[in-house]
Amino acid sequence: MLIRYKKAFEKIAMGLLSFMPNEKDLKILQQTMKQYENDGNKQLFLWKVGDDIIGLIGVSFQDDAAMIEHISVNPSHRHQGIGKTMVKALKDMYPDKELKSNDVTDSFLNKCDIKTE
């Protein structure tokens, strides 16, 4: 289930974000978290299964689009379709928004056969 990020989930969110190639450095990771917490156009969503949070998707909202900036799944849960399921859940949550990718998320979304620009 896709849930909105709350400050109480900061450590798990940072852990998941740290799997992203551009978020390995702690200072960059902290800066990214601040952007999601303070920018009204950005939102982090967490993927929760039971009591466990195993995935994360970060979105920047534009007029009629949602740019997927970050997507990460706990390594022990990869290759099970969770990333693709998170993207579909996001699309269901915002059916009026066109999903777009950035340089970092483009290859993953193309593998998922999810239409982006």
N, C-alpha and C. Protein backbone atom coordinates (compact mmCIF):
# COMPACT_ATOMS: atom_id res chain seq x y z
N MET A 1 0.85 -1.17 0.00
CA MET A 1 0.00 0.00 0.00
C MET A 1 0.89 1.24 0.00
N LEU A 2 0.56 2.20 -0.83
CA LEU A 2 1.30 3.45 -0.94
C LEU A 2 0.80 4.43 0.12
N ILE A 3 1.71 4.90 0.96
CA ILE A 3 1.35 5.87 2.00
C ILE A 3 2.24 7.09 1.88
N ARG A 4 1.72 8.23 2.35
CA ARG A 4 2.50 9.47 2.33
C ARG A 4 3.57 9.42 3.41
N TYR A 5 4.71 10.00 3.10
CA TYR A 5 5.82 10.10 4.04
C TYR A 5 5.42 10.97 5.23
N LYS A 6 5.84 10.52 6.41
CA LYS A 6 5.71 11.31 7.63
C LYS A 6 7.08 11.34 8.28
N LYS A 7 7.34 12.39 9.05
CA LYS A 7 8.64 12.57 9.71
C LYS A 7 9.02 11.34 10.54
N ALA A 8 8.05 10.64 11.09
CA ALA A 8 8.33 9.44 11.89
C ALA A 8 9.03 8.36 11.08
N PHE A 9 8.90 8.40 9.76
CA PHE A 9 9.51 7.41 8.88
C PHE A 9 10.83 7.90 8.26
N GLU A 10 11.40 8.96 8.84
CA GLU A 10 12.58 9.59 8.23
C GLU A 10 13.75 8.63 8.06
N LYS A 11 14.08 7.84 9.07
CA LYS A 11 15.24 6.95 8.98
C LYS A 11 15.05 5.88 7.90
N ILE A 12 13.88 5.27 7.85
CA ILE A 12 13.65 4.24 6.84
C ILE A 12 13.64 4.87 5.45
N ALA A 13 13.07 6.07 5.32
CA ALA A 13 13.05 6.75 4.02
C ALA A 13 14.48 7.09 3.58
N MET A 14 15.30 7.57 4.49
CA MET A 14 16.68 7.87 4.15
C MET A 14 17.44 6.61 3.76
N GLY A 15 17.16 5.52 4.45
CA GLY A 15 17.80 4.26 4.12
C GLY A 15 17.44 3.80 2.71
N LEU A 16 16.17 3.91 2.35
CA LEU A 16 15.73 3.52 1.01
C LEU A 16 16.28 4.47 -0.05
N LEU A 17 16.28 5.76 0.25
CA LEU A 17 16.82 6.74 -0.70
C LEU A 17 18.32 6.52 -0.94
N SER A 18 19.01 6.03 0.07
CA SER A 18 20.46 5.85 -0.06
C SER A 18 20.82 4.78 -1.09
N PHE A 19 19.86 3.97 -1.51
CA PHE A 19 20.12 2.99 -2.57
C PHE A 19 20.14 3.62 -3.95
N MET A 20 19.67 4.87 -4.05
CA MET A 20 19.69 5.56 -5.34
C MET A 20 21.13 5.99 -5.64
N PRO A 21 21.55 5.89 -6.91
CA PRO A 21 22.95 6.18 -7.26
C PRO A 21 23.43 7.58 -6.86
N ASN A 22 22.57 8.58 -6.95
CA ASN A 22 22.98 9.96 -6.66
C ASN A 22 22.83 10.34 -5.20
N GLU A 23 22.38 9.42 -4.36
CA GLU A 23 22.08 9.75 -2.96
C GLU A 23 23.00 9.03 -1.98
N LYS A 24 24.19 8.63 -2.42
CA LYS A 24 25.11 7.88 -1.56
C LYS A 24 25.75 8.76 -0.48
N ASP A 25 26.01 10.02 -0.80
CA ASP A 25 26.64 10.94 0.13
C ASP A 25 25.62 11.43 1.16
N LEU A 26 25.98 11.40 2.43
CA LEU A 26 25.05 11.77 3.51
C LEU A 26 24.53 13.19 3.37
N LYS A 27 25.39 14.14 3.01
CA LYS A 27 24.95 15.53 2.89
C LYS A 27 23.94 15.69 1.76
N ILE A 28 24.17 15.02 0.65
CA ILE A 28 23.22 15.08 -0.47
C ILE A 28 21.91 14.43 -0.06
N LEU A 29 21.99 13.30 0.63
CA LEU A 29 20.80 12.60 1.10
C LEU A 29 19.98 13.48 2.05
N GLN A 30 20.64 14.14 2.97
CA GLN A 30 19.94 15.03 3.91
C GLN A 30 19.30 16.20 3.17
N GLN A 31 19.99 16.72 2.17
CA GLN A 31 19.45 17.83 1.37
C GLN A 31 18.19 17.36 0.60
N THR A 32 18.25 16.17 0.05
CA THR A 32 17.10 15.62 -0.67
C THR A 32 15.90 15.47 0.27
N MET A 33 16.15 14.96 1.47
CA MET A 33 15.06 14.80 2.45
C MET A 33 14.44 16.15 2.79
N LYS A 34 15.27 17.18 2.99
CA LYS A 34 14.75 18.51 3.29
C LYS A 34 13.89 19.04 2.16
N GLN A 35 14.30 18.77 0.92
CA GLN A 35 13.50 19.21 -0.23
C GLN A 35 12.11 18.57 -0.19
N TYR A 36 12.07 17.27 0.07
CA TYR A 36 10.77 16.59 0.12
C TYR A 36 9.92 17.08 1.30
N GLU A 37 10.56 17.43 2.40
CA GLU A 37 9.82 17.89 3.57
C GLU A 37 9.33 19.32 3.43
N ASN A 38 10.08 20.17 2.70
CA ASN A 38 9.77 21.60 2.67
C ASN A 38 9.14 22.11 1.38
N ASP A 39 9.31 21.41 0.29
CA ASP A 39 8.78 21.86 -1.00
C ASP A 39 7.38 21.30 -1.19
N GLY A 40 6.41 22.18 -1.28
CA GLY A 40 5.02 21.77 -1.44
C GLY A 40 4.73 21.03 -2.73
N ASN A 41 5.61 21.13 -3.72
CA ASN A 41 5.40 20.44 -4.99
C ASN A 41 6.07 19.06 -5.04
N LYS A 42 6.76 18.70 -3.96
CA LYS A 42 7.43 17.40 -3.91
C LYS A 42 6.79 16.55 -2.82
N GLN A 43 6.71 15.25 -3.09
CA GLN A 43 6.11 14.35 -2.12
C GLN A 43 6.80 13.00 -2.17
N LEU A 44 7.10 12.45 -0.99
CA LEU A 44 7.62 11.09 -0.88
C LEU A 44 6.46 10.17 -0.51
N PHE A 45 6.44 9.01 -1.11
CA PHE A 45 5.48 7.98 -0.77
C PHE A 45 6.26 6.73 -0.39
N LEU A 46 5.75 6.00 0.57
CA LEU A 46 6.39 4.78 1.02
C LEU A 46 5.49 3.59 0.70
N TRP A 47 6.10 2.46 0.38
CA TRP A 47 5.34 1.24 0.09
C TRP A 47 5.38 0.36 1.33
N LYS A 48 4.20 0.13 1.89
CA LYS A 48 4.08 -0.61 3.14
C LYS A 48 3.41 -1.95 2.88
N VAL A 49 4.04 -3.01 3.39
CA VAL A 49 3.48 -4.36 3.33
C VAL A 49 3.43 -4.87 4.76
N GLY A 50 2.23 -5.04 5.28
CA GLY A 50 2.09 -5.39 6.69
C GLY A 50 2.61 -4.25 7.54
N ASP A 51 3.57 -4.55 8.39
CA ASP A 51 4.19 -3.52 9.23
C ASP A 51 5.50 -3.01 8.66
N ASP A 52 5.91 -3.55 7.52
CA ASP A 52 7.22 -3.21 6.96
C ASP A 52 7.11 -2.20 5.82
N ILE A 53 8.01 -1.25 5.80
CA ILE A 53 8.13 -0.31 4.68
C ILE A 53 9.29 -0.80 3.84
N ILE A 54 9.00 -1.18 2.59
CA ILE A 54 10.02 -1.83 1.76
C ILE A 54 10.33 -1.07 0.47
N GLY A 55 9.62 0.03 0.23
CA GLY A 55 9.86 0.78 -0.99
C GLY A 55 9.56 2.25 -0.81
N LEU A 56 10.04 3.03 -1.76
CA LEU A 56 9.88 4.48 -1.72
C LEU A 56 9.78 5.00 -3.14
N ILE A 57 8.93 6.00 -3.32
CA ILE A 57 8.85 6.69 -4.61
C ILE A 57 8.73 8.18 -4.32
N GLY A 58 9.59 8.97 -4.96
CA GLY A 58 9.61 10.41 -4.76
C GLY A 58 9.13 11.12 -6.01
N VAL A 59 8.22 12.05 -5.83
CA VAL A 59 7.55 12.69 -6.97
C VAL A 59 7.63 14.20 -6.85
N SER A 60 7.82 14.85 -7.99
CA SER A 60 7.74 16.30 -8.09
C SER A 60 6.53 16.61 -8.96
N PHE A 61 5.57 17.31 -8.39
CA PHE A 61 4.33 17.61 -9.12
C PHE A 61 4.48 18.91 -9.91
N GLN A 62 4.09 18.84 -11.17
CA GLN A 62 4.04 19.99 -12.05
C GLN A 62 2.58 20.16 -12.46
N ASP A 63 2.29 21.11 -13.31
CA ASP A 63 0.90 21.42 -13.66
C ASP A 63 0.04 20.18 -13.90
N ASP A 64 0.34 19.46 -14.94
CA ASP A 64 -0.49 18.29 -15.27
C ASP A 64 0.34 17.02 -15.29
N ALA A 65 1.48 17.04 -14.59
CA ALA A 65 2.38 15.90 -14.61
C ALA A 65 2.95 15.61 -13.23
N ALA A 66 3.38 14.37 -13.07
CA ALA A 66 4.08 13.94 -11.87
C ALA A 66 5.41 13.35 -12.32
N MET A 67 6.50 14.04 -11.98
CA MET A 67 7.85 13.59 -12.35
C MET A 67 8.36 12.66 -11.26
N ILE A 68 8.60 11.41 -11.63
CA ILE A 68 9.14 10.45 -10.67
C ILE A 68 10.65 10.68 -10.60
N GLU A 69 11.09 11.21 -9.46
CA GLU A 69 12.49 11.57 -9.27
C GLU A 69 13.29 10.47 -8.59
N HIS A 70 12.65 9.73 -7.72
CA HIS A 70 13.32 8.65 -6.99
C HIS A 70 12.39 7.44 -6.93
N ILE A 71 12.97 6.27 -7.05
CA ILE A 71 12.23 5.03 -6.83
C ILE A 71 13.22 4.01 -6.30
N SER A 72 12.88 3.40 -5.18
CA SER A 72 13.81 2.49 -4.53
C SER A 72 13.04 1.39 -3.80
N VAL A 73 13.58 0.19 -3.86
CA VAL A 73 13.01 -0.95 -3.16
C VAL A 73 14.13 -1.60 -2.35
N ASN A 74 13.81 -2.00 -1.15
CA ASN A 74 14.76 -2.70 -0.30
C ASN A 74 15.35 -3.88 -1.10
N PRO A 75 16.69 -4.02 -1.11
CA PRO A 75 17.31 -5.06 -1.93
C PRO A 75 16.77 -6.47 -1.69
N SER A 76 16.38 -6.77 -0.48
CA SER A 76 15.87 -8.13 -0.20
C SER A 76 14.46 -8.35 -0.76
N HIS A 77 13.84 -7.30 -1.30
CA HIS A 77 12.49 -7.42 -1.87
C HIS A 77 12.47 -7.09 -3.36
N ARG A 78 13.63 -6.98 -3.98
CA ARG A 78 13.69 -6.63 -5.40
C ARG A 78 13.33 -7.82 -6.28
N HIS A 79 13.03 -7.51 -7.53
CA HIS A 79 12.68 -8.49 -8.56
C HIS A 79 11.38 -9.22 -8.23
N GLN A 80 10.48 -8.53 -7.54
CA GLN A 80 9.16 -9.07 -7.22
C GLN A 80 8.05 -8.19 -7.79
N GLY A 81 8.41 -7.17 -8.57
CA GLY A 81 7.41 -6.29 -9.17
C GLY A 81 6.95 -5.16 -8.27
N ILE A 82 7.63 -4.93 -7.16
CA ILE A 82 7.19 -3.91 -6.21
C ILE A 82 7.34 -2.51 -6.79
N GLY A 83 8.45 -2.25 -7.47
CA GLY A 83 8.64 -0.93 -8.09
C GLY A 83 7.55 -0.62 -9.08
N LYS A 84 7.25 -1.57 -9.94
CA LYS A 84 6.19 -1.38 -10.94
C LYS A 84 4.84 -1.20 -10.25
N THR A 85 4.60 -1.95 -9.19
CA THR A 85 3.34 -1.83 -8.44
C THR A 85 3.22 -0.45 -7.80
N MET A 86 4.34 0.08 -7.29
CA MET A 86 4.32 1.43 -6.70
C MET A 86 3.96 2.47 -7.75
N VAL A 87 4.53 2.34 -8.95
CA VAL A 87 4.25 3.30 -10.01
C VAL A 87 2.78 3.21 -10.42
N LYS A 88 2.25 2.00 -10.52
CA LYS A 88 0.83 1.84 -10.86
C LYS A 88 -0.07 2.44 -9.78
N ALA A 89 0.30 2.23 -8.52
CA ALA A 89 -0.48 2.80 -7.41
C ALA A 89 -0.44 4.32 -7.45
N LEU A 90 0.70 4.89 -7.80
CA LEU A 90 0.82 6.34 -7.93
C LEU A 90 -0.09 6.84 -9.06
N LYS A 91 -0.08 6.13 -10.17
CA LYS A 91 -0.93 6.51 -11.31
C LYS A 91 -2.41 6.43 -10.91
N ASP A 92 -2.78 5.41 -10.14
CA ASP A 92 -4.17 5.28 -9.66
C ASP A 92 -4.53 6.40 -8.70
N MET A 93 -3.55 6.84 -7.92
CA MET A 93 -3.78 7.91 -6.93
C MET A 93 -3.96 9.26 -7.62
N TYR A 94 -3.27 9.45 -8.75
CA TYR A 94 -3.31 10.71 -9.49
C TYR A 94 -3.61 10.43 -10.97
N PRO A 95 -4.82 9.98 -11.28
CA PRO A 95 -5.14 9.60 -12.67
C PRO A 95 -5.10 10.77 -13.66
N ASP A 96 -5.24 11.99 -13.15
CA ASP A 96 -5.23 13.16 -14.04
C ASP A 96 -3.81 13.65 -14.35
N LYS A 97 -2.80 13.05 -13.72
CA LYS A 97 -1.41 13.47 -13.93
C LYS A 97 -0.72 12.50 -14.89
N GLU A 98 0.05 13.07 -15.79
CA GLU A 98 0.88 12.26 -16.67
C GLU A 98 2.17 11.93 -15.93
N LEU A 99 2.54 10.66 -15.89
CA LEU A 99 3.77 10.27 -15.23
C LEU A 99 4.95 10.54 -16.15
N LYS A 100 5.97 11.18 -15.58
CA LYS A 100 7.19 11.45 -16.33
C LYS A 100 8.36 10.92 -15.53
N SER A 101 9.48 10.72 -16.22
CA SER A 101 10.68 10.23 -15.55
C SER A 101 11.80 11.24 -15.74
N ASN A 102 12.82 11.11 -14.91
CA ASN A 102 14.03 11.92 -15.09
C ASN A 102 15.15 10.99 -15.55
N ASP A 103 16.36 11.50 -15.66
CA ASP A 103 17.49 10.69 -16.13
C ASP A 103 17.72 9.46 -15.26
N VAL A 104 17.49 9.60 -13.96
CA VAL A 104 17.76 8.51 -13.02
C VAL A 104 16.68 7.43 -13.08
N THR A 105 15.43 7.82 -13.23
CA THR A 105 14.32 6.85 -13.18
C THR A 105 13.88 6.36 -14.56
N ASP A 106 14.39 6.98 -15.61
CA ASP A 106 13.93 6.66 -16.96
C ASP A 106 14.13 5.20 -17.34
N SER A 107 15.31 4.66 -17.09
CA SER A 107 15.57 3.28 -17.52
C SER A 107 14.68 2.29 -16.77
N PHE A 108 14.44 2.53 -15.48
CA PHE A 108 13.56 1.63 -14.74
C PHE A 108 12.14 1.68 -15.28
N LEU A 109 11.63 2.89 -15.51
CA LEU A 109 10.26 3.02 -15.99
C LEU A 109 10.11 2.45 -17.40
N ASN A 110 11.15 2.55 -18.20
CA ASN A 110 11.09 1.94 -19.54
C ASN A 110 11.04 0.42 -19.44
N LYS A 111 11.76 -0.17 -18.50
CA LYS A 111 11.71 -1.61 -18.29
C LYS A 111 10.33 -2.07 -17.84
N CYS A 112 9.64 -1.19 -17.15
CA CYS A 112 8.31 -1.53 -16.66
C CYS A 112 7.23 -1.38 -17.71
N ASP A 113 7.59 -0.85 -18.88
CA ASP A 113 6.60 -0.57 -19.93
C ASP A 113 5.55 0.43 -19.47
N ILE A 114 5.97 1.39 -18.65
CA ILE A 114 5.06 2.42 -18.19
C ILE A 114 5.30 3.65 -19.02
N LYS A 115 4.23 4.15 -19.62
CA LYS A 115 4.36 5.28 -20.54
C LYS A 115 4.75 6.53 -19.78
N THR A 116 5.91 7.09 -20.16
CA THR A 116 6.36 8.36 -19.60
C THR A 116 6.92 9.18 -20.74
N GLU A 117 7.17 10.44 -20.48
CA GLU A 117 7.80 11.30 -21.49
C GLU A 117 9.09 11.84 -20.96
